[in-house]
C-alpha cells in the first residue's frame, strides 16, 4: 500500500508541474486505480484520473479541502474541496467537476468526518478522523471514487474544514 501511495504521489507531482491549474489529460491509462474484484476488472472501461484543483472561487465561506498528504496540503495541491454542505469540486478524468453533496457529518460535533457525493458518472465517499481542532479542524482519512463500470480509486487525504 505504501508503494501505491508513493507512486500516486509521484504521478501527481509530475502532472502538477506540467500545468499548475489543470491536470494533464495526456493518457488516462497512467492513472492509478483499485478494482473491487476480478469480475469487475474484466468489465472495467478505464481508470480514474484525479488531478489537483485550485481552491474554487465559488466557495465564499465555510469549506472543507483536502490533499493526498500534509506536504501537498501545505503546498495547496488540493484534490477535493467543498463548501461544507452543498457542492463538492474535483478534477476527475481531466475535467473540473462540481457535484452535489448527498450527506455530510457535522464536523463541529463529530470526531469522524463522512461525506457522500454522487452524480451519473461518479460516487465519492470521504471518510476522516479529526486530528486537531482549533479554528479550523484538521482531518486525515480516505477518499474513494467509484465509476458505474466498476472502476474504484482510493487515496489517503489530509486537510481541513472550517469557516
N, C-alpha and C. Protein backbone atom coordinates (compact mmCIF):
# COMPACT_ATOMS: atom_id res chain seq x y z
N UNK A 1 0.82 -1.19 0.00
CA UNK A 1 0.00 0.00 0.00
C UNK A 1 0.87 1.26 0.00
N UNK A 2 2.02 1.20 0.74
CA UNK A 2 2.93 2.35 0.77
C UNK A 2 3.41 2.69 -0.64
N UNK A 3 3.76 1.64 -1.40
CA UNK A 3 4.29 1.86 -2.74
C UNK A 3 3.23 2.47 -3.65
N UNK A 4 1.99 2.07 -3.47
CA UNK A 4 0.90 2.62 -4.26
C UNK A 4 0.75 4.11 -3.98
N UNK A 5 0.83 4.48 -2.71
CA UNK A 5 0.70 5.89 -2.31
C UNK A 5 1.89 6.69 -2.86
N UNK A 6 3.08 6.14 -2.74
CA UNK A 6 4.28 6.82 -3.24
C UNK A 6 4.20 7.00 -4.75
N UNK A 7 3.80 5.96 -5.46
CA UNK A 7 3.68 6.03 -6.91
C UNK A 7 2.65 7.07 -7.32
N UNK A 8 1.50 7.07 -6.64
CA UNK A 8 0.47 8.04 -6.95
C UNK A 8 0.95 9.46 -6.67
N UNK A 9 1.65 9.65 -5.55
CA UNK A 9 2.17 10.97 -5.20
C UNK A 9 3.15 11.47 -6.26
N UNK A 10 4.01 10.57 -6.72
CA UNK A 10 4.97 10.95 -7.76
C UNK A 10 4.25 11.33 -9.04
N UNK A 11 3.22 10.57 -9.40
CA UNK A 11 2.45 10.88 -10.60
C UNK A 11 1.81 12.26 -10.49
N UNK A 12 1.19 12.56 -9.34
CA UNK A 12 0.55 13.87 -9.17
C UNK A 12 1.58 14.99 -9.21
N UNK A 13 2.74 14.77 -8.64
CA UNK A 13 3.78 15.78 -8.62
C UNK A 13 4.21 16.10 -10.05
N UNK A 14 4.41 15.07 -10.85
CA UNK A 14 4.82 15.27 -12.25
C UNK A 14 3.70 15.95 -13.02
N UNK A 15 2.47 15.51 -12.83
CA UNK A 15 1.33 16.10 -13.55
C UNK A 15 1.15 17.56 -13.16
N UNK A 16 1.38 17.88 -11.90
CA UNK A 16 1.18 19.26 -11.44
C UNK A 16 2.23 20.21 -12.01
N UNK A 17 3.44 19.72 -12.26
CA UNK A 17 4.48 20.58 -12.78
C UNK A 17 4.21 20.97 -14.23
N UNK A 18 3.46 20.15 -14.96
CA UNK A 18 3.16 20.44 -16.36
C UNK A 18 2.18 21.60 -16.47
N UNK A 19 1.15 21.59 -15.65
CA UNK A 19 0.16 22.65 -15.64
C UNK A 19 -0.25 22.88 -14.20
N UNK A 20 -0.18 24.11 -13.75
CA UNK A 20 -0.46 24.37 -12.34
C UNK A 20 -1.94 24.36 -12.01
N UNK A 21 -2.82 24.78 -12.94
CA UNK A 21 -4.23 24.86 -12.60
C UNK A 21 -5.05 23.68 -13.11
N UNK A 22 -4.56 22.97 -14.08
CA UNK A 22 -5.30 21.81 -14.57
C UNK A 22 -4.37 20.63 -14.71
N UNK A 23 -4.95 19.47 -14.68
CA UNK A 23 -4.16 18.26 -14.79
C UNK A 23 -3.98 17.91 -16.25
N UNK A 24 -2.86 17.31 -16.58
CA UNK A 24 -2.62 16.87 -17.94
C UNK A 24 -3.58 15.74 -18.29
N UNK A 25 -4.13 15.80 -19.49
CA UNK A 25 -5.07 14.77 -19.91
C UNK A 25 -4.42 13.86 -20.95
N UNK A 26 -3.11 13.78 -20.93
CA UNK A 26 -2.40 13.05 -21.96
C UNK A 26 -2.82 11.60 -22.08
N UNK A 27 -2.67 10.81 -21.04
CA UNK A 27 -3.00 9.40 -21.14
C UNK A 27 -3.65 8.94 -19.86
N UNK A 28 -4.97 8.78 -19.85
CA UNK A 28 -5.62 8.36 -18.62
C UNK A 28 -5.18 6.97 -18.18
N UNK A 29 -4.52 6.22 -19.01
CA UNK A 29 -4.02 4.91 -18.64
C UNK A 29 -2.89 4.98 -17.62
N UNK A 30 -2.31 6.18 -17.44
CA UNK A 30 -1.22 6.34 -16.49
C UNK A 30 -1.73 6.48 -15.06
N UNK A 31 -3.03 6.68 -14.87
CA UNK A 31 -3.56 6.87 -13.53
C UNK A 31 -3.62 5.56 -12.77
N UNK A 32 -3.75 5.68 -11.48
CA UNK A 32 -3.86 4.50 -10.63
C UNK A 32 -5.31 4.19 -10.34
N UNK A 33 -5.64 2.94 -10.23
CA UNK A 33 -6.98 2.57 -9.81
C UNK A 33 -6.92 1.24 -9.07
N UNK A 34 -7.88 1.05 -8.23
CA UNK A 34 -8.02 -0.20 -7.50
C UNK A 34 -9.38 -0.76 -7.88
N UNK A 35 -9.41 -1.97 -8.38
CA UNK A 35 -10.65 -2.57 -8.82
C UNK A 35 -11.19 -3.46 -7.72
N UNK A 36 -12.52 -3.40 -7.48
CA UNK A 36 -13.14 -4.12 -6.38
C UNK A 36 -12.92 -5.63 -6.45
N UNK A 37 -13.13 -6.24 -7.60
CA UNK A 37 -12.94 -7.68 -7.72
C UNK A 37 -12.59 -8.04 -9.16
N UNK A 38 -12.21 -9.29 -9.38
CA UNK A 38 -11.76 -9.69 -10.71
C UNK A 38 -12.87 -9.63 -11.73
N UNK A 39 -14.12 -9.87 -11.34
CA UNK A 39 -15.24 -9.78 -12.28
C UNK A 39 -15.39 -8.35 -12.77
N UNK A 40 -15.23 -7.40 -11.87
CA UNK A 40 -15.33 -6.00 -12.27
C UNK A 40 -14.16 -5.62 -13.17
N UNK A 41 -13.00 -6.20 -12.95
CA UNK A 41 -11.82 -5.88 -13.75
C UNK A 41 -12.04 -6.26 -15.21
N UNK A 42 -12.73 -7.35 -15.48
CA UNK A 42 -12.97 -7.79 -16.85
C UNK A 42 -13.88 -6.83 -17.59
N UNK A 43 -14.75 -6.12 -16.87
CA UNK A 43 -15.69 -5.22 -17.49
C UNK A 43 -15.31 -3.75 -17.32
N UNK A 44 -14.16 -3.50 -16.71
CA UNK A 44 -13.72 -2.13 -16.44
C UNK A 44 -13.42 -1.39 -17.74
N UNK A 45 -14.01 -0.22 -17.88
CA UNK A 45 -13.81 0.58 -19.08
C UNK A 45 -12.52 1.40 -19.01
N UNK A 46 -12.05 1.72 -17.83
CA UNK A 46 -10.87 2.55 -17.75
C UNK A 46 -10.44 2.83 -16.33
N UNK A 47 -9.68 3.86 -16.19
CA UNK A 47 -9.15 4.28 -14.90
C UNK A 47 -9.79 5.58 -14.49
N UNK A 48 -9.50 5.99 -13.28
CA UNK A 48 -9.97 7.29 -12.80
C UNK A 48 -8.75 8.17 -12.59
N UNK A 49 -8.67 9.25 -13.32
CA UNK A 49 -7.57 10.20 -13.22
C UNK A 49 -8.00 11.32 -12.28
N UNK A 50 -7.29 11.48 -11.17
CA UNK A 50 -7.60 12.51 -10.18
C UNK A 50 -6.49 13.55 -10.23
N UNK A 51 -6.88 14.81 -10.41
CA UNK A 51 -5.89 15.87 -10.51
C UNK A 51 -6.07 16.93 -9.45
N UNK A 52 -5.09 17.80 -9.36
CA UNK A 52 -5.15 18.91 -8.41
C UNK A 52 -6.07 20.00 -8.94
N UNK A 53 -6.73 20.69 -8.01
CA UNK A 53 -7.58 21.83 -8.37
C UNK A 53 -7.16 23.04 -7.55
N UNK A 54 -7.26 24.22 -8.16
CA UNK A 54 -7.07 25.42 -7.34
C UNK A 54 -8.28 25.57 -6.44
N UNK A 55 -8.13 26.30 -5.36
CA UNK A 55 -9.26 26.48 -4.45
C UNK A 55 -10.40 27.14 -5.23
N UNK A 56 -11.60 26.54 -5.24
CA UNK A 56 -12.71 27.05 -6.06
C UNK A 56 -13.14 28.46 -5.67
N UNK A 57 -13.31 29.32 -6.68
CA UNK A 57 -13.75 30.70 -6.45
C UNK A 57 -15.20 30.74 -5.97
N UNK A 58 -15.96 29.68 -6.25
CA UNK A 58 -17.37 29.63 -5.84
C UNK A 58 -17.53 29.52 -4.33
N UNK A 59 -16.51 29.03 -3.64
CA UNK A 59 -16.59 28.86 -2.19
C UNK A 59 -16.26 30.19 -1.52
N UNK A 60 -17.24 30.72 -0.79
CA UNK A 60 -17.08 32.05 -0.17
C UNK A 60 -16.87 31.99 1.33
N UNK A 61 -17.43 30.98 2.02
CA UNK A 61 -17.34 30.97 3.48
C UNK A 61 -16.79 29.63 3.97
N UNK A 62 -17.61 28.86 4.67
CA UNK A 62 -17.17 27.59 5.24
C UNK A 62 -16.81 26.60 4.14
N UNK A 63 -15.78 25.79 4.42
CA UNK A 63 -15.34 24.85 3.40
C UNK A 63 -14.54 23.70 4.02
N UNK A 64 -14.42 22.65 3.23
CA UNK A 64 -13.51 21.54 3.51
C UNK A 64 -12.64 21.38 2.27
N UNK A 65 -11.35 21.15 2.46
CA UNK A 65 -10.48 20.93 1.31
C UNK A 65 -9.36 19.99 1.73
N UNK A 66 -9.02 19.09 0.80
CA UNK A 66 -8.09 18.02 1.10
C UNK A 66 -7.06 17.82 0.00
N UNK A 67 -5.88 17.39 0.41
CA UNK A 67 -4.81 16.96 -0.49
C UNK A 67 -4.51 15.51 -0.13
N UNK A 68 -3.57 14.88 -0.85
CA UNK A 68 -3.29 13.47 -0.55
C UNK A 68 -2.38 13.30 0.66
N UNK A 69 -1.68 14.37 1.07
CA UNK A 69 -0.83 14.28 2.25
C UNK A 69 -0.59 15.69 2.80
N UNK A 70 0.07 15.77 3.92
CA UNK A 70 0.31 17.05 4.59
C UNK A 70 1.17 17.99 3.73
N UNK A 71 2.21 17.44 3.09
CA UNK A 71 3.09 18.27 2.26
C UNK A 71 2.32 18.90 1.10
N UNK A 72 1.50 18.12 0.42
CA UNK A 72 0.70 18.66 -0.68
C UNK A 72 -0.33 19.66 -0.16
N UNK A 73 -0.89 19.40 1.01
CA UNK A 73 -1.85 20.33 1.61
C UNK A 73 -1.18 21.68 1.87
N UNK A 74 0.00 21.65 2.45
CA UNK A 74 0.72 22.89 2.73
C UNK A 74 1.14 23.62 1.46
N UNK A 75 1.29 22.86 0.35
CA UNK A 75 1.63 23.46 -0.94
C UNK A 75 0.38 23.82 -1.75
N UNK A 76 -0.79 23.68 -1.13
CA UNK A 76 -2.09 23.98 -1.74
C UNK A 76 -2.35 23.16 -3.00
N UNK A 77 -1.95 21.89 -2.98
CA UNK A 77 -2.21 20.96 -4.09
C UNK A 77 -3.43 20.12 -3.71
N UNK A 78 -4.59 20.75 -3.75
CA UNK A 78 -5.82 20.10 -3.31
C UNK A 78 -6.37 19.18 -4.40
N UNK A 79 -6.96 18.05 -3.95
CA UNK A 79 -7.65 17.17 -4.89
C UNK A 79 -9.15 17.22 -4.68
N UNK A 80 -9.60 17.86 -3.60
CA UNK A 80 -11.02 17.92 -3.25
C UNK A 80 -11.29 19.20 -2.49
N UNK A 81 -12.43 19.82 -2.77
CA UNK A 81 -12.89 20.97 -1.98
C UNK A 81 -14.41 20.98 -1.99
N UNK A 82 -15.02 21.40 -0.89
CA UNK A 82 -16.47 21.59 -0.87
C UNK A 82 -16.82 22.80 -0.03
N UNK A 83 -18.05 23.25 -0.18
CA UNK A 83 -18.50 24.43 0.54
C UNK A 83 -19.18 24.07 1.85
N UNK A 84 -18.79 22.95 2.43
CA UNK A 84 -19.27 22.47 3.73
C UNK A 84 -20.79 22.33 3.76
N UNK A 85 -21.35 21.76 2.72
CA UNK A 85 -22.79 21.50 2.79
C UNK A 85 -23.51 21.27 1.48
N UNK A 86 -23.11 21.90 0.39
CA UNK A 86 -23.88 21.80 -0.84
C UNK A 86 -23.13 21.21 -2.02
N UNK A 87 -21.96 21.74 -2.35
CA UNK A 87 -21.28 21.38 -3.59
C UNK A 87 -19.84 20.97 -3.34
N UNK A 88 -19.42 19.89 -4.00
CA UNK A 88 -18.04 19.41 -3.94
C UNK A 88 -17.39 19.62 -5.30
N UNK A 89 -16.08 19.93 -5.31
CA UNK A 89 -15.34 20.20 -6.53
C UNK A 89 -14.12 19.28 -6.60
N UNK A 90 -13.90 18.67 -7.77
CA UNK A 90 -12.73 17.83 -8.00
C UNK A 90 -12.33 17.93 -9.47
N UNK A 91 -11.11 17.50 -9.77
CA UNK A 91 -10.64 17.36 -11.15
C UNK A 91 -10.60 15.86 -11.40
N UNK A 92 -11.56 15.35 -12.19
CA UNK A 92 -11.68 13.92 -12.46
C UNK A 92 -11.61 13.65 -13.95
N UNK A 93 -10.74 12.74 -14.32
CA UNK A 93 -10.57 12.35 -15.72
C UNK A 93 -10.33 13.57 -16.61
N UNK A 94 -9.55 14.53 -16.10
CA UNK A 94 -9.16 15.70 -16.87
C UNK A 94 -10.19 16.82 -16.92
N UNK A 95 -11.31 16.68 -16.20
CA UNK A 95 -12.36 17.69 -16.22
C UNK A 95 -12.67 18.16 -14.80
N UNK A 96 -12.88 19.47 -14.65
CA UNK A 96 -13.31 20.01 -13.36
C UNK A 96 -14.78 19.64 -13.19
N UNK A 97 -15.08 19.01 -12.06
CA UNK A 97 -16.43 18.52 -11.81
C UNK A 97 -16.97 19.16 -10.54
N UNK A 98 -18.20 19.66 -10.61
CA UNK A 98 -18.92 20.18 -9.43
C UNK A 98 -20.10 19.25 -9.21
N UNK A 99 -20.19 18.69 -7.99
CA UNK A 99 -21.24 17.71 -7.69
C UNK A 99 -21.94 18.08 -6.39
N UNK A 100 -23.21 17.71 -6.30
CA UNK A 100 -23.97 17.96 -5.09
C UNK A 100 -23.62 16.96 -4.01
N UNK A 101 -23.43 17.47 -2.78
CA UNK A 101 -23.22 16.61 -1.63
C UNK A 101 -24.55 15.96 -1.27
N UNK A 102 -24.54 14.64 -1.07
CA UNK A 102 -25.75 13.93 -0.67
C UNK A 102 -25.89 13.96 0.85
N UNK A 103 -24.78 13.69 1.55
CA UNK A 103 -24.79 13.73 3.01
C UNK A 103 -23.42 14.16 3.52
N UNK A 104 -23.43 14.75 4.72
CA UNK A 104 -22.20 15.21 5.33
C UNK A 104 -22.41 15.22 6.85
N UNK A 105 -21.39 14.76 7.59
CA UNK A 105 -21.48 14.76 9.05
C UNK A 105 -21.26 16.16 9.58
N UNK A 106 -21.69 16.40 10.82
CA UNK A 106 -21.49 17.67 11.49
C UNK A 106 -20.08 17.69 12.07
N UNK A 107 -19.18 18.45 11.43
CA UNK A 107 -17.77 18.43 11.81
C UNK A 107 -17.51 19.05 13.17
N UNK A 108 -18.36 19.96 13.63
CA UNK A 108 -18.15 20.62 14.91
C UNK A 108 -18.39 19.65 16.07
N UNK A 109 -19.28 18.68 15.87
CA UNK A 109 -19.68 17.77 16.94
C UNK A 109 -18.91 16.45 16.86
N UNK A 110 -18.79 15.92 15.68
CA UNK A 110 -18.22 14.58 15.48
C UNK A 110 -16.70 14.59 15.44
N UNK A 111 -16.13 13.50 15.91
CA UNK A 111 -14.69 13.26 15.75
C UNK A 111 -14.42 12.65 14.37
N UNK A 112 -15.46 12.11 13.77
CA UNK A 112 -15.37 11.46 12.46
C UNK A 112 -16.00 12.36 11.40
N UNK A 113 -15.42 12.36 10.22
CA UNK A 113 -15.94 13.12 9.09
C UNK A 113 -16.42 12.13 8.04
N UNK A 114 -17.64 12.30 7.55
CA UNK A 114 -18.13 11.48 6.45
C UNK A 114 -18.86 12.39 5.47
N UNK A 115 -18.64 12.12 4.19
CA UNK A 115 -19.32 12.85 3.12
C UNK A 115 -19.62 11.86 2.00
N UNK A 116 -20.78 12.00 1.42
CA UNK A 116 -21.18 11.19 0.27
C UNK A 116 -21.56 12.14 -0.86
N UNK A 117 -20.98 11.92 -2.03
CA UNK A 117 -21.22 12.74 -3.20
C UNK A 117 -21.50 11.80 -4.36
N UNK A 118 -22.47 12.15 -5.20
CA UNK A 118 -22.80 11.24 -6.29
C UNK A 118 -23.40 12.01 -7.46
N UNK A 119 -23.04 11.58 -8.68
CA UNK A 119 -23.72 12.03 -9.89
C UNK A 119 -23.78 10.83 -10.83
N UNK A 120 -24.12 11.04 -12.09
CA UNK A 120 -24.27 9.92 -13.02
C UNK A 120 -22.95 9.20 -13.30
N UNK A 121 -21.81 9.90 -13.16
CA UNK A 121 -20.51 9.33 -13.53
C UNK A 121 -19.65 8.86 -12.36
N UNK A 122 -19.89 9.38 -11.17
CA UNK A 122 -19.03 9.07 -10.03
C UNK A 122 -19.84 8.97 -8.74
N UNK A 123 -19.36 8.10 -7.86
CA UNK A 123 -19.85 8.03 -6.48
C UNK A 123 -18.62 8.22 -5.61
N UNK A 124 -18.63 9.24 -4.77
CA UNK A 124 -17.46 9.60 -3.98
C UNK A 124 -17.80 9.50 -2.50
N UNK A 125 -16.88 8.91 -1.75
CA UNK A 125 -17.04 8.78 -0.32
C UNK A 125 -15.80 9.35 0.36
N UNK A 126 -16.00 10.25 1.31
CA UNK A 126 -14.91 10.85 2.08
C UNK A 126 -15.09 10.42 3.53
N UNK A 127 -14.05 9.82 4.10
CA UNK A 127 -14.10 9.41 5.50
C UNK A 127 -12.82 9.90 6.16
N UNK A 128 -12.97 10.52 7.33
CA UNK A 128 -11.80 11.04 8.01
C UNK A 128 -11.99 11.07 9.51
N UNK A 129 -10.88 11.24 10.19
CA UNK A 129 -10.88 11.33 11.64
C UNK A 129 -10.19 12.63 12.02
N UNK A 130 -10.79 13.35 12.98
CA UNK A 130 -10.23 14.63 13.40
C UNK A 130 -8.89 14.39 14.10
N UNK A 131 -7.87 15.14 13.67
CA UNK A 131 -6.55 15.01 14.30
C UNK A 131 -6.18 16.26 15.09
N UNK A 132 -6.89 17.37 14.82
CA UNK A 132 -6.61 18.61 15.54
C UNK A 132 -7.82 19.52 15.38
N UNK A 133 -8.20 20.20 16.42
CA UNK A 133 -9.34 21.09 16.33
C UNK A 133 -9.08 22.43 16.98
N UNK A 134 -8.99 23.46 16.17
CA UNK A 134 -8.86 24.83 16.67
C UNK A 134 -9.92 25.64 15.92
N UNK A 135 -9.53 26.73 15.26
CA UNK A 135 -10.48 27.46 14.43
C UNK A 135 -10.91 26.59 13.25
N UNK A 136 -9.95 25.97 12.61
CA UNK A 136 -10.23 25.02 11.53
C UNK A 136 -9.91 23.63 12.08
N UNK A 137 -10.67 22.64 11.65
CA UNK A 137 -10.48 21.27 12.11
C UNK A 137 -9.66 20.49 11.09
N UNK A 138 -8.57 19.87 11.53
CA UNK A 138 -7.73 19.07 10.64
C UNK A 138 -8.20 17.62 10.65
N UNK A 139 -8.19 17.01 9.47
CA UNK A 139 -8.63 15.62 9.32
C UNK A 139 -7.64 14.83 8.48
N UNK A 140 -7.55 13.53 8.79
CA UNK A 140 -6.86 12.55 7.96
C UNK A 140 -7.85 11.44 7.67
N UNK A 141 -7.78 10.88 6.47
CA UNK A 141 -8.71 9.81 6.14
C UNK A 141 -8.49 9.27 4.74
N UNK A 142 -9.59 8.85 4.12
CA UNK A 142 -9.52 8.30 2.76
C UNK A 142 -10.64 8.88 1.91
N UNK A 143 -10.36 8.95 0.63
CA UNK A 143 -11.33 9.37 -0.37
C UNK A 143 -11.44 8.22 -1.37
N UNK A 144 -12.66 7.75 -1.61
CA UNK A 144 -12.89 6.66 -2.54
C UNK A 144 -13.82 7.14 -3.65
N UNK A 145 -13.44 6.84 -4.89
CA UNK A 145 -14.24 7.21 -6.06
C UNK A 145 -14.60 5.92 -6.79
N UNK A 146 -15.87 5.78 -7.14
CA UNK A 146 -16.33 4.62 -7.91
C UNK A 146 -17.02 5.11 -9.17
N UNK A 147 -16.78 4.37 -10.27
CA UNK A 147 -17.47 4.63 -11.52
C UNK A 147 -18.51 3.54 -11.73
N UNK A 148 -19.54 3.79 -12.54
CA UNK A 148 -20.55 2.76 -12.81
C UNK A 148 -19.98 1.49 -13.44
N UNK A 149 -18.83 1.59 -14.12
CA UNK A 149 -18.24 0.41 -14.76
C UNK A 149 -17.48 -0.49 -13.79
N UNK A 150 -17.46 -0.12 -12.51
CA UNK A 150 -16.78 -0.94 -11.50
C UNK A 150 -15.40 -0.46 -11.15
N UNK A 151 -14.86 0.53 -11.82
CA UNK A 151 -13.55 1.08 -11.51
C UNK A 151 -13.61 1.80 -10.16
N UNK A 152 -12.62 1.53 -9.31
CA UNK A 152 -12.57 2.15 -7.99
C UNK A 152 -11.18 2.75 -7.78
N UNK A 153 -11.14 3.95 -7.22
CA UNK A 153 -9.89 4.63 -6.89
C UNK A 153 -9.97 5.05 -5.43
N UNK A 154 -8.94 4.73 -4.65
CA UNK A 154 -8.88 5.12 -3.24
C UNK A 154 -7.55 5.80 -2.97
N UNK A 155 -7.59 6.90 -2.21
CA UNK A 155 -6.37 7.61 -1.85
C UNK A 155 -6.48 8.13 -0.42
N UNK A 156 -5.36 8.23 0.29
CA UNK A 156 -5.40 8.90 1.58
C UNK A 156 -5.62 10.39 1.36
N UNK A 157 -6.18 11.06 2.37
CA UNK A 157 -6.37 12.51 2.29
C UNK A 157 -5.95 13.16 3.60
N UNK A 158 -5.58 14.42 3.50
CA UNK A 158 -5.21 15.25 4.63
C UNK A 158 -5.75 16.63 4.35
N UNK A 159 -6.46 17.23 5.30
CA UNK A 159 -6.95 18.56 5.04
C UNK A 159 -7.73 19.12 6.19
N UNK A 160 -8.46 20.20 5.90
CA UNK A 160 -9.18 20.88 6.97
C UNK A 160 -10.57 21.31 6.55
N UNK A 161 -11.37 21.52 7.57
CA UNK A 161 -12.72 22.07 7.41
C UNK A 161 -12.85 23.22 8.39
N UNK A 162 -13.45 24.30 7.94
CA UNK A 162 -13.63 25.44 8.83
C UNK A 162 -14.30 26.60 8.14
N UNK A 163 -14.52 27.63 8.92
CA UNK A 163 -15.20 28.84 8.38
C UNK A 163 -14.27 30.04 8.48
